[in-house]
Structure formats: structure tokens, C-alpha cells
Protein backbone atom coordinates (compact mmCIF):
# COMPACT_ATOMS: atom_id res chain seq x y z
CA UNK A 1 -23.00 -28.11 6.48
CA UNK A 2 -26.61 -28.43 5.51
CA UNK A 3 -26.20 -27.04 1.97
CA UNK A 4 -23.02 -29.01 1.32
CA UNK A 5 -23.40 -32.49 2.84
CA UNK A 6 -20.17 -33.62 1.13
CA UNK A 7 -18.17 -31.30 3.44
CA UNK A 8 -16.90 -33.45 6.30
CA UNK A 9 -16.85 -31.92 9.81
CA UNK A 10 -13.36 -33.37 10.36
CA UNK A 11 -12.08 -31.19 7.50
CA UNK A 12 -13.39 -28.07 9.23
CA UNK A 13 -11.77 -29.17 12.48
CA UNK A 14 -8.48 -29.65 10.65
CA UNK A 15 -8.75 -26.15 9.19
CA UNK A 16 -9.24 -24.74 12.69
CA UNK A 17 -6.26 -26.66 14.08
CA UNK A 18 -3.72 -26.32 11.26
CA UNK A 19 -4.74 -24.09 8.35
CA UNK A 20 -2.48 -23.81 5.32
CA UNK A 21 -3.46 -20.14 5.12
CA UNK A 22 -5.28 -17.79 7.49
CA UNK A 23 -6.75 -14.41 6.56
CA UNK A 24 -8.85 -11.89 8.52
CA UNK A 25 -11.85 -10.30 6.85
CA UNK A 26 -12.87 -6.66 7.40
CA UNK A 27 -16.02 -7.81 9.23
CA UNK A 28 -13.99 -9.71 11.86
CA UNK A 29 -14.55 -13.16 10.42
CA UNK A 30 -11.55 -15.33 9.64
CA UNK A 31 -10.88 -17.33 6.48
CA UNK A 32 -8.98 -20.59 6.82
CA UNK A 33 -7.83 -22.89 4.04
CA UNK A 34 -6.87 -26.56 4.19
CA UNK A 35 -6.29 -29.11 1.45
CA UNK A 36 -8.51 -32.19 1.47
CA UNK A 37 -9.18 -35.17 -0.78
CA UNK A 38 -12.69 -35.05 -2.18
CA UNK A 39 -14.10 -38.59 -1.83
CA UNK A 40 -16.50 -37.98 -4.71
CA UNK A 41 -13.67 -38.11 -7.28
CA UNK A 42 -10.43 -38.59 -5.32
CA UNK A 43 -8.99 -35.20 -6.28
CA UNK A 44 -7.23 -32.84 -3.90
CA UNK A 45 -9.12 -29.60 -3.32
CA UNK A 46 -8.71 -26.46 -1.23
CA UNK A 47 -11.43 -26.07 1.38
CA UNK A 48 -12.15 -22.55 2.64
CA UNK A 49 -13.68 -22.44 6.11
CA UNK A 50 -15.01 -19.09 7.35
CA UNK A 51 -15.28 -18.77 11.13
CA UNK A 52 -16.81 -16.07 13.28
CA UNK A 53 -14.81 -13.59 15.34
CA UNK A 54 -14.44 -16.12 18.16
CA UNK A 55 -12.16 -18.17 15.90
CA UNK A 56 -14.04 -21.44 16.38
CA UNK A 57 -17.67 -21.11 15.23
CA UNK A 58 -17.91 -22.22 11.60
CA UNK A 59 -19.98 -19.81 9.52
CA UNK A 60 -19.43 -21.37 6.09
CA UNK A 61 -17.27 -23.93 4.30
CA UNK A 62 -16.83 -24.61 0.60
CA UNK A 63 -14.29 -25.71 -1.99
CA UNK A 64 -12.27 -22.72 -3.20
CA UNK A 65 -11.33 -23.20 -6.85
CA UNK A 66 -9.32 -19.96 -6.88
CA UNK A 67 -7.02 -20.75 -3.94
CA UNK A 68 -3.44 -19.89 -4.84
CA UNK A 69 -1.37 -21.40 -2.05
CA UNK A 70 0.07 -20.98 1.37
CA UNK A 71 0.77 -17.88 3.40
CA UNK A 72 -0.38 -18.85 6.88
């Protein structure tokens, strides 16, 4: 992720393989959440990964401060 170099590609891969929560968007994209440990401060954070309709091409990834929990 060019804009967010602290996002590790392995985290995105983990979200694709075993998301804690999965949600379809109205535009066909899919939101996936996974919990990761942020190496910058050691805290656990929820990472939201948005993939395209094919289910594997990562469109965006960022820490989601408003994530409420599971429901995969």
C-alpha cells in the first residue's frame, strides 16, 4: 500500500484467507476485517481490506477504528 507503508502485505493475505468479518458493498466490492498487531506501538487493531469483485484484488486497506466485532 503506497499511501500506508505500515500496512503489511501478509495482513491483507490473512484477511483474504480468514476474515473475522466479511461484508459486500453495493458496488460489488467486498470488505474484509482481520485483527493485527501494529508494530508501531504493539496494540491490536482491526484492519479493513477492500477487495474488488473478483474477491482477491486488494483495492484499499486501512485501520478501522470503528470496527465493532465479528459477524463473518
